[in-house]
PDB file of N, CA and C in Angstrom:
ATOM      1  N   UNK A   1       0.826  -1.180   0.000  1.00  0.00           N
ATOM      2  CA  UNK A   1       0.000   0.000   0.000  1.00  0.00           C
ATOM      3  C   UNK A   1       0.874   1.248   0.000  1.00  0.00           C
ATOM      4  N   UNK A   2       1.941   1.210   0.791  1.00  0.00           N
ATOM      5  CA  UNK A   2       2.818   2.379   0.836  1.00  0.00           C
ATOM      6  C   UNK A   2       3.414   2.671  -0.533  1.00  0.00           C
ATOM      7  N   UNK A   3       3.824   1.626  -1.241  1.00  0.00           N
ATOM      8  CA  UNK A   3       4.416   1.810  -2.565  1.00  0.00           C
ATOM      9  C   UNK A   3       3.398   2.401  -3.538  1.00  0.00           C
ATOM     10  N   UNK A   4       2.149   1.940  -3.454  1.00  0.00           N
ATOM     11  CA  UNK A   4       1.098   2.467  -4.319  1.00  0.00           C
ATOM     12  C   UNK A   4       0.905   3.960  -4.098  1.00  0.00           C
ATOM     13  N   UNK A   5       0.758   4.364  -2.834  1.00  0.00           N
ATOM     14  CA  UNK A   5       0.513   5.785  -2.548  1.00  0.00           C
ATOM     15  C   UNK A   5       1.737   6.644  -2.820  1.00  0.00           C
ATOM     16  N   UNK A   6       2.942   6.090  -2.632  1.00  0.00           N
ATOM     17  CA  UNK A   6       4.153   6.832  -2.991  1.00  0.00           C
ATOM     18  C   UNK A   6       4.212   7.034  -4.505  1.00  0.00           C
ATOM     19  N   UNK A   7       3.787   6.015  -5.249  1.00  0.00           N
ATOM     20  CA  UNK A   7       3.739   6.136  -6.707  1.00  0.00           C
ATOM     21  C   UNK A   7       2.750   7.202  -7.154  1.00  0.00           C
ATOM     22  N   UNK A   8       1.575   7.224  -6.515  1.00  0.00           N
ATOM     23  CA  UNK A   8       0.573   8.255  -6.831  1.00  0.00           C
ATOM     24  C   UNK A   8       1.144   9.629  -6.509  1.00  0.00           C
ATOM     25  N   UNK A   9       1.780   9.770  -5.357  1.00  0.00           N
ATOM     26  CA  UNK A   9       2.377  11.040  -4.954  1.00  0.00           C
ATOM     27  C   UNK A   9       3.435  11.488  -5.966  1.00  0.00           C
ATOM     28  N   UNK A  10       4.285  10.545  -6.391  1.00  0.00           N
ATOM     29  CA  UNK A  10       5.324  10.869  -7.368  1.00  0.00           C
ATOM     30  C   UNK A  10       4.726  11.327  -8.688  1.00  0.00           C
ATOM     31  N   UNK A  11       3.701  10.631  -9.162  1.00  0.00           N
ATOM     32  CA  UNK A  11       3.064  11.015 -10.425  1.00  0.00           C
ATOM     33  C   UNK A  11       2.450  12.410 -10.338  1.00  0.00           C
ATOM     34  N   UNK A  12       1.768  12.682  -9.249  1.00  0.00           N
ATOM     35  CA  UNK A  12       1.151  14.000  -9.067  1.00  0.00           C
ATOM     36  C   UNK A  12       2.235  15.075  -8.966  1.00  0.00           C
ATOM     37  N   UNK A  13       3.324  14.762  -8.269  1.00  0.00           N
ATOM     38  CA  UNK A  13       4.426  15.717  -8.142  1.00  0.00           C
ATOM     39  C   UNK A  13       5.049  16.039  -9.496  1.00  0.00           C
ATOM     40  N   UNK A  14       5.026  15.071 -10.397  1.00  0.00           N
ATOM     41  CA  UNK A  14       5.560  15.283 -11.740  1.00  0.00           C
ATOM     42  C   UNK A  14       4.548  15.955 -12.673  1.00  0.00           C
ATOM     43  N   UNK A  15       3.371  16.280 -12.150  1.00  0.00           N
ATOM     44  CA  UNK A  15       2.367  16.968 -12.949  1.00  0.00           C
ATOM     45  C   UNK A  15       1.485  16.052 -13.776  1.00  0.00           C
ATOM     46  N   UNK A  16       1.509  14.758 -13.487  1.00  0.00           N
ATOM     47  CA  UNK A  16       0.682  13.794 -14.232  1.00  0.00           C
ATOM     48  C   UNK A  16      -0.714  13.736 -13.625  1.00  0.00           C
ATOM     49  N   UNK A  17      -1.684  13.383 -14.427  1.00  0.00           N
ATOM     50  CA  UNK A  17      -3.050  13.183 -13.937  1.00  0.00           C
ATOM     51  C   UNK A  17      -3.209  11.734 -13.508  1.00  0.00           C
ATOM     52  N   UNK A  18      -3.944  11.530 -12.433  1.00  0.00           N
ATOM     53  CA  UNK A  18      -4.158  10.185 -11.897  1.00  0.00           C
ATOM     54  C   UNK A  18      -5.650   9.979 -11.706  1.00  0.00           C
ATOM     55  N   UNK A  19      -6.147   8.831 -12.163  1.00  0.00           N
ATOM     56  CA  UNK A  19      -7.562   8.488 -12.011  1.00  0.00           C
ATOM     57  C   UNK A  19      -7.628   7.087 -11.420  1.00  0.00           C
ATOM     58  N   UNK A  20      -8.036   6.990 -10.149  1.00  0.00           N
ATOM     59  CA  UNK A  20      -8.107   5.715  -9.445  1.00  0.00           C
ATOM     60  C   UNK A  20      -9.565   5.322  -9.260  1.00  0.00           C
ATOM     61  N   UNK A  21      -9.958   4.214  -9.862  1.00  0.00           N
ATOM     62  CA  UNK A  21     -11.335   3.738  -9.748  1.00  0.00           C
ATOM     63  C   UNK A  21     -11.344   2.530  -8.819  1.00  0.00           C
ATOM     64  N   UNK A  22     -11.921   2.713  -7.623  1.00  0.00           N
ATOM     65  CA  UNK A  22     -11.976   1.643  -6.635  1.00  0.00           C
ATOM     66  C   UNK A  22     -13.299   0.880  -6.669  1.00  0.00           C
ATOM     67  N   UNK A  23     -14.168   1.195  -7.594  1.00  0.00           N
ATOM     68  CA  UNK A  23     -15.464   0.530  -7.670  1.00  0.00           C
ATOM     69  C   UNK A  23     -16.517   1.260  -6.863  1.00  0.00           C
ATOM     70  N   UNK A  24     -16.276   1.424  -5.569  1.00  0.00           N
ATOM     71  CA  UNK A  24     -17.229   2.143  -4.725  1.00  0.00           C
ATOM     72  C   UNK A  24     -16.973   3.655  -4.749  1.00  0.00           C
ATOM     73  N   UNK A  25     -15.763   4.043  -5.167  1.00  0.00           N
ATOM     74  CA  UNK A  25     -15.435   5.466  -5.298  1.00  0.00           C
ATOM     75  C   UNK A  25     -14.388   5.642  -6.389  1.00  0.00           C
ATOM     76  N   UNK A  26     -14.278   6.879  -6.843  1.00  0.00           N
ATOM     77  CA  UNK A  26     -13.300   7.208  -7.872  1.00  0.00           C
ATOM     78  C   UNK A  26     -12.555   8.458  -7.421  1.00  0.00           C
ATOM     79  N   UNK A  27     -11.238   8.392  -7.426  1.00  0.00           N
ATOM     80  CA  UNK A  27     -10.405   9.524  -7.041  1.00  0.00           C
ATOM     81  C   UNK A  27      -9.684  10.010  -8.282  1.00  0.00           C
ATOM     82  N   UNK A  28      -9.901  11.268  -8.621  1.00  0.00           N
ATOM     83  CA  UNK A  28      -9.254  11.873  -9.783  1.00  0.00           C
ATOM     84  C   UNK A  28      -8.383  13.030  -9.320  1.00  0.00           C
ATOM     85  N   UNK A  29      -7.146  13.027  -9.770  1.00  0.00           N
ATOM     86  CA  UNK A  29      -6.236  14.129  -9.477  1.00  0.00           C
ATOM     87  C   UNK A  29      -5.768  14.670 -10.815  1.00  0.00           C
ATOM     88  N   UNK A  30      -6.221  15.880 -11.131  1.00  0.00           N
ATOM     89  CA  UNK A  30      -5.857  16.531 -12.391  1.00  0.00           C
ATOM     90  C   UNK A  30      -5.377  17.936 -12.091  1.00  0.00           C
ATOM     91  N   UNK A  31      -4.227  18.292 -12.640  1.00  0.00           N
ATOM     92  CA  UNK A  31      -3.620  19.597 -12.374  1.00  0.00           C
ATOM     93  C   UNK A  31      -3.508  19.845 -10.872  1.00  0.00           C
ATOM     94  N   UNK A  32      -3.136  18.817 -10.135  1.00  0.00           N
ATOM     95  CA  UNK A  32      -2.967  18.842  -8.676  1.00  0.00           C
ATOM     96  C   UNK A  32      -4.252  19.184  -7.924  1.00  0.00           C
ATOM     97  N   UNK A  33      -5.395  19.019  -8.584  1.00  0.00           N
ATOM     98  CA  UNK A  33      -6.695  19.198  -7.945  1.00  0.00           C
ATOM     99  C   UNK A  33      -7.319  17.838  -7.678  1.00  0.00           C
ATOM    100  N   UNK A  34      -7.872  17.663  -6.499  1.00  0.00           N
ATOM    101  CA  UNK A  34      -8.438  16.383  -6.082  1.00  0.00           C
ATOM    102  C   UNK A  34      -9.955  16.407  -6.211  1.00  0.00           C
ATOM    103  N   UNK A  35     -10.506  15.348  -6.815  1.00  0.00           N
ATOM    104  CA  UNK A  35     -11.958  15.205  -6.929  1.00  0.00           C
ATOM    105  C   UNK A  35     -12.309  13.763  -6.573  1.00  0.00           C
ATOM    106  N   UNK A  36     -13.281  13.601  -5.686  1.00  0.00           N
ATOM    107  CA  UNK A  36     -13.718  12.266  -5.259  1.00  0.00           C
ATOM    108  C   UNK A  36     -15.202  12.130  -5.551  1.00  0.00           C
ATOM    109  N   UNK A  37     -15.580  11.051  -6.206  1.00  0.00           N
ATOM    110  CA  UNK A  37     -16.995  10.757  -6.439  1.00  0.00           C
ATOM    111  C   UNK A  37     -17.266   9.345  -5.926  1.00  0.00           C
ATOM    112  N   UNK A  38     -18.449   9.166  -5.373  1.00  0.00           N
ATOM    113  CA  UNK A  38     -18.835   7.869  -4.832  1.00  0.00           C
ATOM    114  C   UNK A  38     -19.887   7.228  -5.721  1.00  0.00           C
ATOM    115  N   UNK A  39     -19.923   5.918  -5.710  1.00  0.00           N
ATOM    116  CA  UNK A  39     -20.873   5.138  -6.492  1.00  0.00           C
ATOM    117  C   UNK A  39     -22.299   5.506  -6.088  1.00  0.00           C
ATOM    118  N   UNK A  40     -23.160   5.634  -7.065  1.00  0.00           N
ATOM    119  CA  UNK A  40     -24.565   5.941  -6.789  1.00  0.00           C
ATOM    120  C   UNK A  40     -25.161   4.818  -5.929  1.00  0.00           C
ATOM    121  N   UNK A  41     -25.869   5.191  -4.898  1.00  0.00           N
ATOM    122  CA  UNK A  41     -26.494   4.210  -4.025  1.00  0.00           C
ATOM    123  C   UNK A  41     -25.598   3.711  -2.911  1.00  0.00           C
ATOM    124  N   UNK A  42     -24.366   4.200  -2.824  1.00  0.00           N
ATOM    125  CA  UNK A  42     -23.454   3.735  -1.777  1.00  0.00           C
ATOM    126  C   UNK A  42     -23.993   4.058  -0.390  1.00  0.00           C
ATOM    127  N   UNK A  43     -24.555   5.232  -0.236  1.00  0.00           N
ATOM    128  CA  UNK A  43     -25.078   5.641   1.067  1.00  0.00           C
ATOM    129  C   UNK A  43     -26.170   4.693   1.541  1.00  0.00           C
ATOM    130  N   UNK A  44     -27.090   4.346   0.670  1.00  0.00           N
ATOM    131  CA  UNK A  44     -28.170   3.449   1.079  1.00  0.00           C
ATOM    132  C   UNK A  44     -27.649   2.038   1.353  1.00  0.00           C
ATOM    133  N   UNK A  45     -26.629   1.617   0.628  1.00  0.00           N
ATOM    134  CA  UNK A  45     -26.040   0.300   0.861  1.00  0.00           C
ATOM    135  C   UNK A  45     -25.377   0.242   2.233  1.00  0.00           C
ATOM    136  N   UNK A  46     -24.621   1.287   2.574  1.00  0.00           N
ATOM    137  CA  UNK A  46     -23.909   1.318   3.850  1.00  0.00           C
ATOM    138  C   UNK A  46     -24.880   1.447   5.021  1.00  0.00           C
ATOM    139  N   UNK A  47     -25.994   2.130   4.820  1.00  0.00           N
ATOM    140  CA  UNK A  47     -26.959   2.321   5.891  1.00  0.00           C
ATOM    141  C   UNK A  47     -27.879   1.116   6.088  1.00  0.00           C
ATOM    142  N   UNK A  48     -27.815   0.148   5.191  1.00  0.00           N
ATOM    143  CA  UNK A  48     -28.644  -1.045   5.304  1.00  0.00           C
ATOM    144  C   UNK A  48     -28.253  -1.811   6.574  1.00  0.00           C
ATOM    145  N   UNK A  49     -29.242  -2.327   7.284  1.00  0.00           N
ATOM    146  CA  UNK A  49     -29.002  -3.007   8.566  1.00  0.00           C
ATOM    147  C   UNK A  49     -28.104  -4.232   8.417  1.00  0.00           C
ATOM    148  N   UNK A  50     -28.167  -4.938   7.309  1.00  0.00           N
ATOM    149  CA  UNK A  50     -27.359  -6.141   7.110  1.00  0.00           C
ATOM    150  C   UNK A  50     -25.920  -5.860   6.724  1.00  0.00           C
ATOM    151  N   UNK A  51     -25.621  -4.640   6.333  1.00  0.00           N
ATOM    152  CA  UNK A  51     -24.275  -4.304   5.856  1.00  0.00           C
ATOM    153  C   UNK A  51     -23.223  -4.464   6.952  1.00  0.00           C
ATOM    154  N   UNK A  52     -23.542  -4.012   8.164  1.00  0.00           N
ATOM    155  CA  UNK A  52     -22.580  -4.107   9.264  1.00  0.00           C
ATOM    156  C   UNK A  52     -22.222  -5.554   9.549  1.00  0.00           C
ATOM    157  N   UNK A  53     -23.209  -6.442   9.529  1.00  0.00           N
ATOM    158  CA  UNK A  53     -22.941  -7.854   9.781  1.00  0.00           C
ATOM    159  C   UNK A  53     -22.068  -8.456   8.697  1.00  0.00           C
ATOM    160  N   UNK A  54     -22.256  -8.025   7.443  1.00  0.00           N
ATOM    161  CA  UNK A  54     -21.437  -8.529   6.342  1.00  0.00           C
ATOM    162  C   UNK A  54     -19.983  -8.091   6.487  1.00  0.00           C
ATOM    163  N   UNK A  55     -19.767  -6.898   7.000  1.00  0.00           N
ATOM    164  CA  UNK A  55     -18.426  -6.338   7.073  1.00  0.00           C
ATOM    165  C   UNK A  55     -17.630  -6.810   8.293  1.00  0.00           C
ATOM    166  N   UNK A  56     -18.293  -7.376   9.278  1.00  0.00           N
ATOM    167  CA  UNK A  56     -17.586  -7.846  10.466  1.00  0.00           C
ATOM    168  C   UNK A  56     -16.681  -9.012  10.114  1.00  0.00           C
ATOM    169  N   UNK A  57     -15.467  -8.956  10.611  1.00  0.00           N
ATOM    170  CA  UNK A  57     -14.550 -10.060  10.391  1.00  0.00           C
ATOM    171  C   UNK A  57     -14.772 -11.155  11.428  1.00  0.00           C
ATOM    172  N   UNK A  58     -15.330 -10.760  12.572  1.00  0.00           N
ATOM    173  CA  UNK A  58     -15.561 -11.728  13.633  1.00  0.00           C
ATOM    174  C   UNK A  58     -16.689 -11.233  14.521  1.00  0.00           C
ATOM    175  N   UNK A  59     -17.460 -12.142  15.057  1.00  0.00           N
ATOM    176  CA  UNK A  59     -18.507 -11.786  16.001  1.00  0.00           C
ATOM    177  C   UNK A  59     -18.043 -11.987  17.438  1.00  0.00           C
ATOM    178  N   UNK A  60     -16.757 -12.266  17.610  1.00  0.00           N
ATOM    179  CA  UNK A  60     -16.197 -12.477  18.933  1.00  0.00           C
ATOM    180  C   UNK A  60     -16.091 -11.136  19.663  1.00  0.00           C
ATOM    181  N   UNK A  61     -16.452 -11.127  20.937  1.00  0.00           N
ATOM    182  CA  UNK A  61     -16.331  -9.894  21.711  1.00  0.00           C
ATOM    183  C   UNK A  61     -14.861  -9.534  21.879  1.00  0.00           C
ATOM    184  N   UNK A  62     -14.595  -8.271  22.040  1.00  0.00           N
ATOM    185  CA  UNK A  62     -13.215  -7.779  22.141  1.00  0.00           C
ATOM    186  C   UNK A  62     -12.499  -8.396  23.342  1.00  0.00           C
ATOM    187  N   UNK A  63     -13.188  -8.490  24.486  1.00  0.00           N
ATOM    188  CA  UNK A  63     -12.537  -9.019  25.691  1.00  0.00           C
ATOM    189  C   UNK A  63     -12.132 -10.477  25.509  1.00  0.00           C
ATOM    190  N   UNK A  64     -12.982 -11.285  24.882  1.00  0.00           N
ATOM    191  CA  UNK A  64     -12.622 -12.691  24.692  1.00  0.00           C
ATOM    192  C   UNK A  64     -11.593 -12.848  23.572  1.00  0.00           C
ATOM    193  N   UNK A  65     -11.605 -11.943  22.606  1.00  0.00           N
ATOM    194  CA  UNK A  65     -10.628 -11.995  21.514  1.00  0.00           C
ATOM    195  C   UNK A  65      -9.210 -11.890  22.067  1.00  0.00           C
ATOM    196  N   UNK A  66      -8.981 -10.973  22.999  1.00  0.00           N
ATOM    197  CA  UNK A  66      -7.637 -10.758  23.531  1.00  0.00           C
ATOM    198  C   UNK A  66      -7.216 -11.851  24.509  1.00  0.00           C
ATOM    199  N   UNK A  67      -8.154 -12.621  24.998  1.00  0.00           N
ATOM    200  CA  UNK A  67      -7.824 -13.705  25.928  1.00  0.00           C
ATOM    201  C   UNK A  67      -7.667 -15.048  25.220  1.00  0.00           C
ATOM    202  N   UNK A  68      -7.975 -15.098  23.947  1.00  0.00           N
ATOM    203  CA  UNK A  68      -7.941 -16.343  23.185  1.00  0.00           C
ATOM    204  C   UNK A  68      -6.513 -16.656  22.741  1.00  0.00           C
ATOM    205  N   UNK A  69      -6.123 -17.921  22.850  1.00  0.00           N
ATOM    206  CA  UNK A  69      -4.807 -18.360  22.418  1.00  0.00           C
ATOM    207  C   UNK A  69      -4.786 -18.441  20.888  1.00  0.00           C
ATOM    208  N   UNK A  70      -3.867 -17.734  20.287  1.00  0.00           N
ATOM    209  CA  UNK A  70      -3.776 -17.670  18.827  1.00  0.00           C
ATOM    210  C   UNK A  70      -3.564 -19.053  18.209  1.00  0.00           C
ATOM    211  N   UNK A  71      -2.684 -19.845  18.777  1.00  0.00           N
ATOM    212  CA  UNK A  71      -2.384 -21.159  18.200  1.00  0.00           C
ATOM    213  C   UNK A  71      -3.599 -22.084  18.218  1.00  0.00           C
ATOM    214  N   UNK A  72      -4.403 -22.023  19.273  1.00  0.00           N
ATOM    215  CA  UNK A  72      -5.607 -22.850  19.327  1.00  0.00           C
ATOM    216  C   UNK A  72      -6.628 -22.385  18.289  1.00  0.00           C
ATOM    217  N   UNK A  73      -6.780 -21.078  18.156  1.00  0.00           N
ATOM    218  CA  UNK A  73      -7.713 -20.541  17.163  1.00  0.00           C
ATOM    219  C   UNK A  73      -7.267 -20.904  15.760  1.00  0.00           C
ATOM    220  N   UNK A  74      -5.969 -20.808  15.497  1.00  0.00           N
ATOM    221  CA  UNK A  74      -5.433 -21.137  14.176  1.00  0.00           C
ATOM    222  C   UNK A  74      -5.703 -22.607  13.862  1.00  0.00           C
ATOM    223  N   UNK A  75      -5.488 -23.478  14.806  1.00  0.00           N
ATOM    224  CA  UNK A  75      -5.692 -24.910  14.594  1.00  0.00           C
ATOM    225  C   UNK A  75      -7.146 -25.221  14.269  1.00  0.00           C
ATOM    226  N   UNK A  76      -8.088 -24.452  14.836  1.00  0.00           N
ATOM    227  CA  UNK A  76      -9.518 -24.689  14.593  1.00  0.00           C
ATOM    228  C   UNK A  76     -10.022 -24.014  13.317  1.00  0.00           C
ATOM    229  N   UNK A  77      -9.256 -23.091  12.767  1.00  0.00           N
ATOM    230  CA  UNK A  77      -9.731 -22.357  11.598  1.00  0.00           C
ATOM    231  C   UNK A  77      -9.670 -23.223  10.343  1.00  0.00           C
ATOM    232  N   UNK A  78     -10.401 -22.831   9.342  1.00  0.00           N
ATOM    233  CA  UNK A  78     -10.405 -23.573   8.074  1.00  0.00           C
ATOM    234  C   UNK A  78      -9.026 -23.561   7.443  1.00  0.00           C
ATOM    235  N   UNK A  79      -8.393 -22.408   7.411  1.00  0.00           N
ATOM    236  CA  UNK A  79      -7.064 -22.308   6.828  1.00  0.00           C
ATOM    237  C   UNK A  79      -6.053 -23.087   7.661  1.00  0.00           C
ATOM    238  N   UNK A  80      -6.230 -23.079   8.970  1.00  0.00           N
ATOM    239  CA  UNK A  80      -5.318 -23.813   9.848  1.00  0.00           C
ATOM    240  C   UNK A  80      -5.365 -25.303   9.638  1.00  0.00           C
ATOM    241  N   UNK A  81      -6.506 -25.826   9.206  1.00  0.00           N
ATOM    242  CA  UNK A  81      -6.586 -27.266   8.935  1.00  0.00           C
ATOM    243  C   UNK A  81      -5.959 -27.611   7.593  1.00  0.00           C
ATOM    244  N   UNK A  82      -5.873 -26.636   6.704  1.00  0.00           N
ATOM    245  CA  UNK A  82      -5.273 -26.868   5.384  1.00  0.00           C
ATOM    246  C   UNK A  82      -3.761 -26.635   5.380  1.00  0.00           C
ATOM    247  N   UNK A  83      -3.329 -25.605   6.105  1.00  0.00           N
ATOM    248  CA  UNK A  83      -1.920 -25.218   6.129  1.00  0.00           C
ATOM    249  C   UNK A  83      -1.384 -25.409   7.537  1.00  0.00           C
ATOM    250  N   UNK A  84      -0.420 -26.254   7.674  1.00  0.00           N
ATOM    251  CA  UNK A  84       0.185 -26.483   8.982  1.00  0.00           C
ATOM    252  C   UNK A  84       1.305 -25.483   9.184  1.00  0.00           C
ATOM    253  N   UNK A  85       1.336 -24.892  10.381  1.00  0.00           N
ATOM    254  CA  UNK A  85       2.393 -23.935  10.705  1.00  0.00           C
ATOM    255  C   UNK A  85       3.715 -24.681  10.864  1.00  0.00           C
ATOM    256  N   UNK A  86       4.811 -24.082  10.402  1.00  0.00           N
ATOM    257  CA  UNK A  86       6.122 -24.765  10.534  1.00  0.00           C
ATOM    258  C   UNK A  86       6.591 -24.803  11.973  1.00  0.00           C
TER     259      UNK A  86
END
């Protein structure tokens, strides 16, 4: 990520135009001016009640997350059963 943003910074510093399309938003830098546009309907999608549940990486509470042994969790995970740690 750092290399990507350093590259964007370098291009803009050299006076080049940059147009980054992330799907949900588009960032355009032309003549060192920044313009950001968001996908139509993004606001309603983000405000949907089911969106937060989709975006959660885990439903584990924060207190139990920090008390959980990483090696035991890894062994129980799907990836942990496929890839054995060295």
